[in-house]
């Protein structure tokens, strides 16, 4: 229908938008047709997961405009907005985002593009999108109804977010945060991985197969997710956003499939909800979760006395295997990330902001941050490879970079001057210590305390129930609504592909 037709309001660009999508919406008859299948689909999901239906589910069809407003409201009002803001500056300091990148408007566009439907924990309502093609609606409905059953089983609002507000101010709080920092990321992967498992099973119904019978399906879907065709915003998103948005769906599905095959339906659904993993390490390595293997956790000593006179604590968190995988891929390429990230053995960072940064502009600049990062590895060769990969990116991250070889104490240390202060990168046993923005003398004092605090015995195990906002963008993205991904749309449009795969 022409936008200039009498009585029709032309579409308007809103703040942060660069283009307008004109949707072909479902008819009321099509909406009624889909809702007529709700009970049947709900019972399929219950049988597929073993999760009990305790009450009927509310449902509604939502417009693109309403979804956009929903996301904007969360951006403006949600407590996780502060998490996003702090994560953005730390991500820029690490080099995972460009210094001039503006996260909020881009993230809003990305989430609006990627959403295929969502379950709202707070209102306990399944939201189907009135612009999604009819042939894609039913598998998405099965996906969202899985979230409804999860909610009825464990209460998703409380279960999926175990974080503390604010920043730690002493060593006890620092280490409590490090013990549990990736819990939200892991739980989001469980939630979406289970929903993706049901999505696959629902799509495979004509074959008589399930995810447990089709071992190659999860890997094939992960390969398909890398195809950004039809997703212009996703295609130009920084790697950290692409990987973080897909991680709960792709790696979460792989995790759930592994538990399903090795331990059965009860363990894969109710069991994992009752005893969720605590880290991206366990999601990436489901065998470690099944074996109750300890999760590598770095311990921080009390560094506050060295910093408190000139700095204010800004952020502390885990650099988990997911974060390291993204970092290495960005700095060294996909092949290096695949080869090196499995050798990760713990990591933590601490960011502090200069007290001399008083204006908003100064506080929003990475120059105001001092960053400490300790990365543990399974062997010295892997640690050295990571050091060289990281050090090679210093000229990309900063300007006026000069390596000060005269200040280096040996082959295991590199010292740089940059426009944002000194950078120290050094190898200590199987660990890599990095300090950016602190003067060299202070950086060496921090290194001495942190390196000497790492245990030589068995690796500590991450614990629950608390969590602090940290680096992982997977956690940040998960906090802004149940975004069930344009990947779902791609999967649905390729049903025949993995249906045929399943019967081979």
Protein backbone atom coordinates (compact mmCIF):
# COMPACT_ATOMS: atom_id res chain seq x y z
CA UNK A 1 0.00 0.00 0.00
CA UNK A 2 1.57 3.35 -1.00
CA UNK A 3 2.64 5.45 1.96
CA UNK A 4 1.07 8.52 0.37
CA UNK A 5 -2.41 6.99 0.26
CA UNK A 6 -5.04 9.03 2.06
CA UNK A 7 -5.37 8.09 5.73
CA UNK A 8 -2.05 6.23 5.85
CA UNK A 9 0.79 7.64 7.96
CA UNK A 10 4.16 7.28 6.20
CA UNK A 11 6.82 5.35 8.19
CA UNK A 12 9.15 7.61 10.14
CA UNK A 13 12.81 7.20 11.01
CA UNK A 14 13.37 7.06 14.76
CA UNK A 15 16.53 8.06 16.60
CA UNK A 16 19.32 5.60 15.85
CA UNK A 17 17.67 4.22 12.69
CA UNK A 18 19.24 4.62 9.27
CA UNK A 19 16.60 2.75 7.26
CA UNK A 20 13.00 1.63 7.44
CA UNK A 21 11.78 -1.93 6.90
CA UNK A 22 8.31 -2.23 5.43
CA UNK A 23 6.82 -5.47 6.72
CA UNK A 24 4.29 -7.82 5.18
CA UNK A 25 2.23 -8.54 8.26
CA UNK A 26 0.22 -11.64 9.08
CA UNK A 27 -3.50 -11.44 8.56
CA UNK A 28 -5.88 -11.92 11.48
CA UNK A 29 -6.89 -15.26 9.96
CA UNK A 30 -3.24 -16.39 9.94
CA UNK A 31 -2.81 -15.30 13.56
CA UNK A 32 -5.89 -17.33 14.55
CA UNK A 33 -4.55 -20.31 12.61
CA UNK A 34 -1.27 -20.19 14.54
CA UNK A 35 -2.90 -19.74 17.93
CA UNK A 36 -5.14 -22.74 17.22
CA UNK A 37 -1.94 -24.83 17.24
CA UNK A 38 -0.65 -23.38 20.53
CA UNK A 39 -1.92 -26.12 22.84
CA UNK A 40 -0.73 -28.89 20.53
CA UNK A 41 2.71 -27.29 20.27
CA UNK A 42 2.87 -26.68 24.01
CA UNK A 43 2.24 -30.37 24.71
CA UNK A 44 4.86 -31.34 22.12
CA UNK A 45 7.40 -29.14 23.91
CA UNK A 46 6.46 -30.61 27.29
CA UNK A 47 6.92 -34.17 26.01
CA UNK A 48 10.14 -33.30 24.20
CA UNK A 49 11.73 -31.72 27.27
CA UNK A 50 10.08 -33.65 30.08
CA UNK A 51 9.15 -30.31 31.67
CA UNK A 52 5.65 -30.18 33.12
CA UNK A 53 3.00 -27.71 31.97
CA UNK A 54 1.82 -26.06 35.20
CA UNK A 55 -0.41 -23.36 33.73
CA UNK A 56 -1.61 -22.06 30.36
CA UNK A 57 0.57 -19.61 28.48
CA UNK A 58 -0.41 -16.11 27.43
CA UNK A 59 0.44 -15.11 23.89
CA UNK A 60 0.26 -12.07 21.65
CA UNK A 61 1.37 -10.91 18.22
CA UNK A 62 3.75 -7.97 18.31
CA UNK A 63 4.65 -5.41 15.66
CA UNK A 64 8.17 -4.31 14.74
CA UNK A 65 7.41 -0.87 16.14
CA UNK A 66 6.34 -2.40 19.47
CA UNK A 67 9.48 -4.54 19.62
CA UNK A 68 11.64 -1.50 18.95
CA UNK A 69 9.89 0.42 21.74
CA UNK A 70 10.26 -2.58 24.07
CA UNK A 71 14.01 -2.68 23.48
CA UNK A 72 14.34 1.11 23.82
CA UNK A 73 12.52 1.01 27.14
CA UNK A 74 14.88 -1.66 28.42
CA UNK A 75 17.86 0.37 27.26
CA UNK A 76 16.55 3.43 29.10
CA UNK A 77 15.29 1.81 32.29
CA UNK A 78 16.99 -1.55 32.81
CA UNK A 79 19.67 -1.88 35.46
CA UNK A 80 21.79 -3.64 32.85
CA UNK A 81 22.24 -0.37 30.96
CA UNK A 82 25.04 0.47 33.39
CA UNK A 83 26.55 -2.94 32.71
CA UNK A 84 26.51 -2.20 28.99
CA UNK A 85 28.13 1.21 29.48
CA UNK A 86 30.98 -0.13 31.60
CA UNK A 87 31.47 -3.11 29.32
CA UNK A 88 31.69 -0.83 26.29
CA UNK A 89 34.66 1.12 27.64
CA UNK A 90 36.49 -2.02 28.79
CA UNK A 91 35.85 -3.72 25.44
CA UNK A 92 37.37 -0.69 23.71
CA UNK A 93 40.38 -0.77 26.01
CA UNK A 94 40.94 -4.43 25.14
CA UNK A 95 40.58 -3.62 21.43
CA UNK A 96 37.44 -5.72 20.95
CA UNK A 97 35.56 -2.59 19.89
CA UNK A 98 36.96 0.39 17.98
CA UNK A 99 37.45 3.54 20.02
CA UNK A 100 34.89 5.50 17.97
CA UNK A 101 32.24 2.76 17.99
CA UNK A 102 28.88 3.71 19.54
CA UNK A 103 27.44 0.59 21.11
CA UNK A 104 23.95 1.66 22.16
CA UNK A 105 22.45 2.70 18.79
CA UNK A 106 24.16 -0.14 16.95
CA UNK A 107 23.03 -2.71 19.51
CA UNK A 108 19.46 -1.47 19.25
CA UNK A 109 19.52 -1.87 15.46
CA UNK A 110 21.16 -5.28 15.75
CA UNK A 111 18.68 -6.67 18.26
CA UNK A 112 15.71 -5.29 16.32
CA UNK A 113 16.99 -7.01 13.17
CA UNK A 114 17.79 -10.31 14.85
CA UNK A 115 14.70 -10.89 16.96
CA UNK A 116 12.36 -13.64 15.74
CA UNK A 117 10.09 -13.81 18.78
CA UNK A 118 10.52 -13.59 22.54
CA UNK A 119 9.14 -14.80 25.83
CA UNK A 120 8.75 -12.04 28.41
CA UNK A 121 9.55 -13.48 31.85
CA UNK A 122 8.00 -10.55 33.67
CA UNK A 123 4.57 -10.80 32.03
CA UNK A 124 4.87 -14.53 31.31
CA UNK A 125 3.77 -13.87 27.75
CA UNK A 126 4.95 -15.40 24.47
CA UNK A 127 5.42 -12.66 21.89
CA UNK A 128 5.19 -13.78 18.27
CA UNK A 129 6.15 -11.29 15.59
CA UNK A 130 3.46 -10.29 13.13
CA UNK A 131 5.97 -9.72 10.34
CA UNK A 132 7.68 -13.13 10.47
CA UNK A 133 6.66 -15.33 7.49
CA UNK A 134 3.97 -17.88 8.23
CA UNK A 135 6.19 -20.89 7.46
CA UNK A 136 8.68 -19.80 10.13
CA UNK A 137 6.21 -19.17 12.93
CA UNK A 138 5.57 -22.67 14.30
CA UNK A 139 9.21 -23.66 15.06
CA UNK A 140 9.69 -20.23 16.67
CA UNK A 141 6.57 -20.88 18.75
CA UNK A 142 8.09 -24.17 19.94
CA UNK A 143 11.28 -22.31 20.83
CA UNK A 144 9.42 -19.69 22.87
CA UNK A 145 7.19 -22.23 24.59
CA UNK A 146 10.37 -23.94 25.82
CA UNK A 147 11.21 -20.72 27.64
CA UNK A 148 7.71 -20.70 29.11
CA UNK A 149 8.22 -24.21 30.55
CA UNK A 150 11.67 -23.24 31.85
CA UNK A 151 10.03 -20.29 33.56
CA UNK A 152 7.38 -22.50 35.12
CA UNK A 153 10.10 -24.89 36.30
CA UNK A 154 12.68 -22.53 37.82
CA UNK A 155 11.43 -18.92 37.48
CA UNK A 156 13.60 -17.46 34.71
CA UNK A 157 13.78 -13.89 36.05
CA UNK A 158 15.61 -15.00 39.19
CA UNK A 159 17.33 -18.04 37.69
CA UNK A 160 18.87 -16.29 34.69
CA UNK A 161 20.26 -13.25 36.51
CA UNK A 162 22.36 -13.77 39.61
CA UNK A 163 24.38 -10.57 39.34
CA UNK A 164 25.30 -7.91 41.84
CA UNK A 165 24.92 -4.23 41.07
CA UNK A 166 27.87 -1.90 41.46
CA UNK A 167 31.63 -2.31 41.49
CA UNK A 168 33.76 -4.14 44.03
CA UNK A 169 35.90 -2.05 46.36
CA UNK A 170 38.00 -4.59 48.25
CA UNK A 171 39.84 -7.83 47.65
CA UNK A 172 37.09 -9.99 49.15
CA UNK A 173 34.52 -8.60 46.72
CA UNK A 174 36.99 -8.86 43.82
CA UNK A 175 37.43 -12.58 44.28
CA UNK A 176 33.79 -13.27 45.03
CA UNK A 177 33.02 -11.72 41.64
CA UNK A 178 35.70 -13.75 39.89
CA UNK A 179 34.36 -16.97 41.36
CA UNK A 180 31.00 -16.51 39.65
CA UNK A 181 31.49 -13.96 36.89
CA UNK A 182 30.37 -16.08 33.93
CA UNK A 183 27.29 -17.61 35.56
CA UNK A 184 24.80 -15.51 33.60
CA UNK A 185 26.51 -16.31 30.29
CA UNK A 186 26.40 -20.03 31.02
CA UNK A 187 22.75 -19.92 32.08
CA UNK A 188 21.74 -18.01 28.98
CA UNK A 189 23.44 -20.70 26.88
CA UNK A 190 21.47 -23.37 28.74
CA UNK A 191 18.19 -21.52 28.27
CA UNK A 192 18.71 -20.90 24.56
CA UNK A 193 20.41 -24.23 23.95
CA UNK A 194 17.39 -26.09 25.32
CA UNK A 195 15.02 -23.96 23.25
CA UNK A 196 17.13 -24.59 20.14
CA UNK A 197 17.04 -28.34 20.85
CA UNK A 198 13.24 -28.22 20.85
CA UNK A 199 13.29 -26.02 17.76
CA UNK A 200 15.31 -28.71 15.95
CA UNK A 201 13.12 -31.56 17.22
CA UNK A 202 9.97 -29.74 16.14
CA UNK A 203 11.41 -29.16 12.68
CA UNK A 204 12.56 -32.79 12.40
CA UNK A 205 9.13 -34.22 13.26
CA UNK A 206 8.38 -35.35 9.68
CA UNK A 207 11.52 -37.53 9.71
CA UNK A 208 10.77 -39.25 13.00
CA UNK A 209 14.20 -38.18 14.19
CA UNK A 210 15.33 -35.91 17.05
CA UNK A 211 18.48 -34.01 17.90
CA UNK A 212 19.73 -37.04 19.83
CA UNK A 213 19.49 -39.13 16.64
CA UNK A 214 21.18 -36.59 14.38
CA UNK A 215 24.71 -35.97 15.70
CA UNK A 216 25.76 -33.65 12.87
CA UNK A 217 22.83 -31.23 13.12
CA UNK A 218 24.27 -28.91 15.79
CA UNK A 219 27.55 -28.54 13.91
CA UNK A 220 25.73 -27.87 10.63
CA UNK A 221 23.53 -25.26 12.22
CA UNK A 222 26.58 -23.55 13.68
CA UNK A 223 28.12 -23.38 10.21
CA UNK A 224 24.88 -21.91 8.84
CA UNK A 225 24.85 -19.29 11.60
CA UNK A 226 28.13 -17.91 10.25
CA UNK A 227 26.33 -17.01 7.03
CA UNK A 228 25.26 -13.36 7.41
CA UNK A 229 23.30 -13.31 4.14
CA UNK A 230 20.10 -11.40 4.69
CA UNK A 231 21.36 -9.80 7.90
CA UNK A 232 22.96 -6.47 6.92
CA UNK A 233 23.34 -5.14 10.47
CA UNK A 234 24.75 -8.45 11.74
CA UNK A 235 27.14 -8.61 8.78
CA UNK A 236 28.77 -5.30 9.74
CA UNK A 237 28.70 -5.93 13.48
CA UNK A 238 32.05 -6.19 15.28
CA UNK A 239 33.19 -9.75 15.88
CA UNK A 240 32.51 -9.52 19.60
CA UNK A 241 28.84 -8.75 18.96
CA UNK A 242 28.44 -11.42 16.30
CA UNK A 243 30.03 -14.12 18.43
CA UNK A 244 28.31 -13.06 21.63
CA UNK A 245 24.85 -12.99 20.06
CA UNK A 246 25.27 -16.43 18.48
CA UNK A 247 27.05 -18.15 21.39
CA UNK A 248 23.95 -19.03 23.47
CA UNK A 249 22.25 -20.54 20.41
CA UNK A 250 25.12 -22.37 18.69
CA UNK A 251 27.34 -23.41 21.59
CA UNK A 252 24.30 -23.75 23.83
CA UNK A 253 22.75 -26.20 21.36
CA UNK A 254 25.99 -28.15 21.12
CA UNK A 255 26.14 -28.33 24.93
CA UNK A 256 22.56 -29.55 25.20
CA UNK A 257 23.05 -32.13 22.46
CA UNK A 258 26.10 -33.53 24.25
CA UNK A 259 24.22 -33.83 27.55
CA UNK A 260 21.19 -35.33 25.79
CA UNK A 261 23.25 -38.01 24.02
CA UNK A 262 25.46 -38.90 26.96
CA UNK A 263 23.10 -38.54 29.92
CA UNK A 264 19.53 -38.46 28.56
CA UNK A 265 16.55 -36.14 28.48
CA UNK A 266 16.14 -35.71 32.25
CA UNK A 267 19.76 -34.59 32.64
CA UNK A 268 19.68 -32.34 29.57
CA UNK A 269 16.59 -30.38 30.62
CA UNK A 270 15.43 -30.54 34.25
CA UNK A 271 18.87 -31.65 35.42
CA UNK A 272 20.77 -28.77 33.82
CA UNK A 273 18.17 -26.26 35.02
CA UNK A 274 18.60 -27.57 38.57
CA UNK A 275 22.41 -27.67 38.36
CA UNK A 276 23.47 -25.18 35.69
CA UNK A 277 27.06 -24.74 34.51
CA UNK A 278 28.90 -21.71 35.80
CA UNK A 279 31.18 -20.74 32.91
CA UNK A 280 31.61 -20.54 29.15
CA UNK A 281 34.35 -23.15 29.63
CA UNK A 282 31.72 -25.74 30.61
CA UNK A 283 29.42 -24.74 27.74
CA UNK A 284 32.26 -25.11 25.23
CA UNK A 285 33.41 -28.35 26.91
CA UNK A 286 30.25 -30.22 28.02
CA UNK A 287 32.39 -33.20 28.98
CA UNK A 288 33.95 -31.02 31.69
CA UNK A 289 30.47 -30.21 33.02
CA UNK A 290 29.49 -33.89 33.05
CA UNK A 291 32.73 -34.84 34.80
CA UNK A 292 32.34 -32.02 37.37
CA UNK A 293 35.80 -30.85 36.34
CA UNK A 294 37.05 -27.75 38.16
CA UNK A 295 36.70 -24.50 36.25
CA UNK A 296 39.93 -22.48 36.05
CA UNK A 297 39.63 -19.36 38.21
CA UNK A 298 42.34 -16.73 38.63
CA UNK A 299 42.70 -15.20 42.08
CA UNK A 300 43.43 -11.52 42.66
CA UNK A 301 45.52 -10.35 45.62
CA UNK A 302 44.73 -7.08 47.39
CA UNK A 303 45.87 -4.53 44.81
CA UNK A 304 43.67 -1.72 46.12
CA UNK A 305 46.38 -0.13 48.31
CA UNK A 306 48.53 0.30 45.20
CA UNK A 307 45.71 1.95 43.24
CA UNK A 308 43.33 3.74 45.57
CA UNK A 309 45.28 7.00 45.82
CA UNK A 310 44.99 7.73 42.08
CA UNK A 311 42.30 5.37 40.78
CA UNK A 312 38.70 4.37 41.41
CA UNK A 313 37.69 0.73 40.83
CA UNK A 314 35.75 0.54 37.57
CA UNK A 315 35.22 -3.12 36.64
CA UNK A 316 36.48 -6.57 37.51
CA UNK A 317 35.70 -9.85 35.84
CA UNK A 318 36.66 -13.10 34.24
CA UNK A 319 38.19 -13.35 30.77
CA UNK A 320 36.63 -16.72 30.07
CA UNK A 321 37.31 -19.10 27.24
CA UNK A 322 34.61 -17.44 25.13
CA UNK A 323 36.20 -14.01 25.60
CA UNK A 324 39.67 -15.35 24.84
CA UNK A 325 38.42 -17.15 21.74
CA UNK A 326 36.98 -13.89 20.41
CA UNK A 327 40.08 -11.92 21.34
CA UNK A 328 42.44 -14.33 19.58
CA UNK A 329 40.20 -14.57 16.50
CA UNK A 330 40.13 -10.79 16.18
CA UNK A 331 43.87 -10.42 16.76
CA UNK A 332 45.20 -13.57 15.07
CA UNK A 333 42.50 -15.11 12.93
CA UNK A 334 40.02 -17.98 13.14
CA UNK A 335 42.56 -20.81 12.81
CA UNK A 336 44.71 -19.47 15.61
CA UNK A 337 41.65 -19.03 17.84
CA UNK A 338 40.62 -22.64 17.25
CA UNK A 339 44.12 -23.89 17.99
CA UNK A 340 45.00 -21.71 20.96
CA UNK A 341 41.82 -21.03 22.92
CA UNK A 342 41.41 -24.66 24.15
CA UNK A 343 44.76 -24.18 25.92
CA UNK A 344 43.25 -21.39 28.05
CA UNK A 345 43.43 -22.04 31.78
CA UNK A 346 41.82 -19.09 33.53
CA UNK A 347 41.89 -15.35 33.19
CA UNK A 348 40.84 -12.20 35.01
CA UNK A 349 40.96 -8.48 34.45
CA UNK A 350 40.69 -5.41 36.65
CA UNK A 351 39.95 -1.94 35.32
CA UNK A 352 40.40 1.26 37.31
CA UNK A 353 39.58 4.84 36.32
CA UNK A 354 41.83 7.80 37.00
CA UNK A 355 40.45 10.16 39.63
CA UNK A 356 41.65 13.04 37.48
CA UNK A 357 38.97 12.10 34.91
CA UNK A 358 36.12 14.36 36.04
CA UNK A 359 34.20 15.45 32.93
CA UNK A 360 31.88 13.10 31.04
CA UNK A 361 34.18 13.26 28.03
CA UNK A 362 37.18 12.28 30.14
CA UNK A 363 35.29 9.44 31.81
CA UNK A 364 34.08 8.14 28.44
CA UNK A 365 37.62 7.94 27.09
CA UNK A 366 39.71 4.77 27.26
CA UNK A 367 42.60 7.04 28.24
CA UNK A 368 40.99 7.33 31.67
CA UNK A 369 41.28 3.59 32.30
CA UNK A 370 44.13 1.53 33.61
CA UNK A 371 43.70 -2.14 32.71
CA UNK A 372 45.25 -5.23 34.29
CA UNK A 373 44.80 -8.62 32.65
CA UNK A 374 46.27 -11.92 33.84
CA UNK A 375 45.79 -14.87 31.48
CA UNK A 376 46.59 -18.45 32.52
CA UNK A 377 47.52 -21.20 30.04
CA UNK A 378 48.03 -24.96 30.16
CA UNK A 379 51.67 -24.70 29.07
CA UNK A 380 54.38 -22.13 28.50
CA UNK A 381 54.35 -22.42 24.69
CA UNK A 382 50.65 -21.53 24.57
CA UNK A 383 51.23 -18.65 26.94
CA UNK A 384 54.05 -17.33 24.79
CA UNK A 385 51.90 -17.62 21.64
CA UNK A 386 49.16 -15.62 23.31
CA UNK A 387 51.67 -12.98 24.45
CA UNK A 388 52.97 -12.48 20.91
CA UNK A 389 49.43 -12.39 19.49
CA UNK A 390 48.35 -9.78 22.02
CA UNK A 391 51.52 -7.68 21.79
CA UNK A 392 51.28 -7.48 18.00
CA UNK A 393 48.01 -5.56 18.38
CA UNK A 394 49.35 -2.76 20.57
CA UNK A 395 50.09 -0.51 17.54
CA UNK A 396 46.53 -1.09 16.30
CA UNK A 397 44.98 -0.15 19.65
CA UNK A 398 47.08 2.94 20.36
CA UNK A 399 48.91 5.76 18.58
CA UNK A 400 52.47 7.01 19.14
CA UNK A 401 53.55 3.46 20.04
CA UNK A 402 57.24 2.97 20.79
CA UNK A 403 58.73 -0.24 22.16
CA UNK A 404 61.20 0.65 24.94
CA UNK A 405 63.65 -2.22 24.63
CA UNK A 406 66.06 -0.53 27.04
CA UNK A 407 63.44 -0.83 29.79
CA UNK A 408 62.77 -4.53 29.16
CA UNK A 409 64.39 -6.95 31.56
CA UNK A 410 64.61 -9.90 29.14
CA UNK A 411 62.95 -11.88 26.37
CA UNK A 412 59.90 -12.55 28.52
CA UNK A 413 58.94 -8.87 28.77
CA UNK A 414 57.81 -6.15 26.38
CA UNK A 415 57.38 -2.48 27.31
CA UNK A 416 55.68 0.17 25.18
CA UNK A 417 54.96 3.86 25.37
CA UNK A 418 51.57 4.85 23.91
CA UNK A 419 49.27 7.84 23.75
CA UNK A 420 47.37 6.37 26.74
CA UNK A 421 50.40 5.58 28.91
CA UNK A 422 52.77 2.67 29.42
CA UNK A 423 52.00 -0.91 28.43
CA UNK A 424 53.73 -3.88 30.06
CA UNK A 425 53.31 -7.41 28.68
CA UNK A 426 55.26 -10.23 30.28
CA UNK A 427 55.48 -14.01 30.51
CA UNK A 428 55.61 -15.58 33.97
CA UNK A 429 55.66 -19.37 33.89
CA UNK A 430 52.44 -20.37 32.12
CA UNK A 431 50.78 -17.00 32.70
CA UNK A 432 50.74 -13.76 30.75
CA UNK A 433 50.50 -10.48 32.66
CA UNK A 434 49.34 -7.34 30.87
CA UNK A 435 49.07 -3.80 32.26
CA UNK A 436 47.86 -0.94 30.07
CA UNK A 437 47.70 2.70 31.12
CA UNK A 438 49.66 2.38 34.39
CA UNK A 439 53.18 3.75 34.63
CA UNK A 440 55.85 1.06 34.37
CA UNK A 441 56.89 1.13 38.02
CA UNK A 442 53.32 0.64 39.23
CA UNK A 443 52.68 -2.01 36.58
CA UNK A 444 55.62 -4.06 37.85
CA UNK A 445 54.39 -3.82 41.43
CA UNK A 446 50.97 -5.01 40.33
CA UNK A 447 52.54 -7.87 38.38
CA UNK A 448 54.59 -9.01 41.36
CA UNK A 449 51.51 -9.22 43.58
CA UNK A 450 49.23 -10.87 41.00
CA UNK A 451 51.70 -13.44 39.69
CA UNK A 452 52.77 -14.48 43.18
CA UNK A 453 49.12 -14.95 44.19
CA UNK A 454 48.40 -17.65 41.62
CA UNK A 455 48.26 -21.13 43.18
CA UNK A 456 50.58 -23.85 41.99
CA UNK A 457 48.25 -26.63 43.17
CA UNK A 458 44.86 -27.77 41.87
CA UNK A 459 42.81 -25.23 39.95
CA UNK A 460 40.07 -23.56 41.95
CA UNK A 461 36.48 -24.18 40.96
CA UNK A 462 33.97 -21.46 40.15
CA UNK A 463 30.99 -21.26 42.46
CA UNK A 464 27.58 -19.60 42.77
CA UNK A 465 25.30 -17.77 43.51
CA UNK A 466 26.69 -14.25 42.97
CA UNK A 467 27.91 -12.47 39.86
CA UNK A 468 29.29 -9.06 38.89
CA UNK A 469 29.02 -7.25 35.56
CA UNK A 470 32.10 -8.21 33.60
CA UNK A 471 33.50 -8.26 30.10
CA UNK A 472 31.38 -10.86 28.35
CA UNK A 473 29.11 -9.29 25.74
CA UNK A 474 27.12 -12.54 25.69
CA UNK A 475 25.88 -11.62 29.15
CA UNK A 476 25.21 -8.04 28.12
CA UNK A 477 23.23 -9.05 25.05
CA UNK A 478 21.27 -11.65 27.00
CA UNK A 479 20.17 -9.04 29.51
CA UNK A 480 18.33 -7.01 26.87
CA UNK A 481 15.45 -9.35 26.23
CA UNK A 482 15.02 -12.91 25.00
CA UNK A 483 16.41 -12.25 21.55
CA UNK A 484 15.87 -15.39 19.60
CA UNK A 485 17.96 -14.51 16.66
CA UNK A 486 17.72 -14.07 12.95
CA UNK A 487 19.58 -17.37 13.03
CA UNK A 488 16.23 -18.96 13.81
CA UNK A 489 14.89 -17.49 10.60
CA UNK A 490 17.82 -18.88 8.63
CA UNK A 491 17.42 -22.28 10.29
CA UNK A 492 13.71 -22.35 9.53
CA UNK A 493 14.24 -21.37 5.91
CA UNK A 494 16.64 -24.31 5.59
CA UNK A 495 14.51 -26.97 7.24
CA UNK A 496 14.89 -29.29 4.27
CA UNK A 497 18.67 -29.17 4.62
CA UNK A 498 18.91 -30.54 8.11
CA UNK A 499 15.84 -32.73 7.70
CA UNK A 500 17.74 -34.53 4.95
CA UNK A 501 20.90 -34.53 7.07
CA UNK A 502 18.99 -36.22 9.87
CA UNK A 503 17.89 -39.18 7.77
CA UNK A 504 21.27 -39.95 6.23
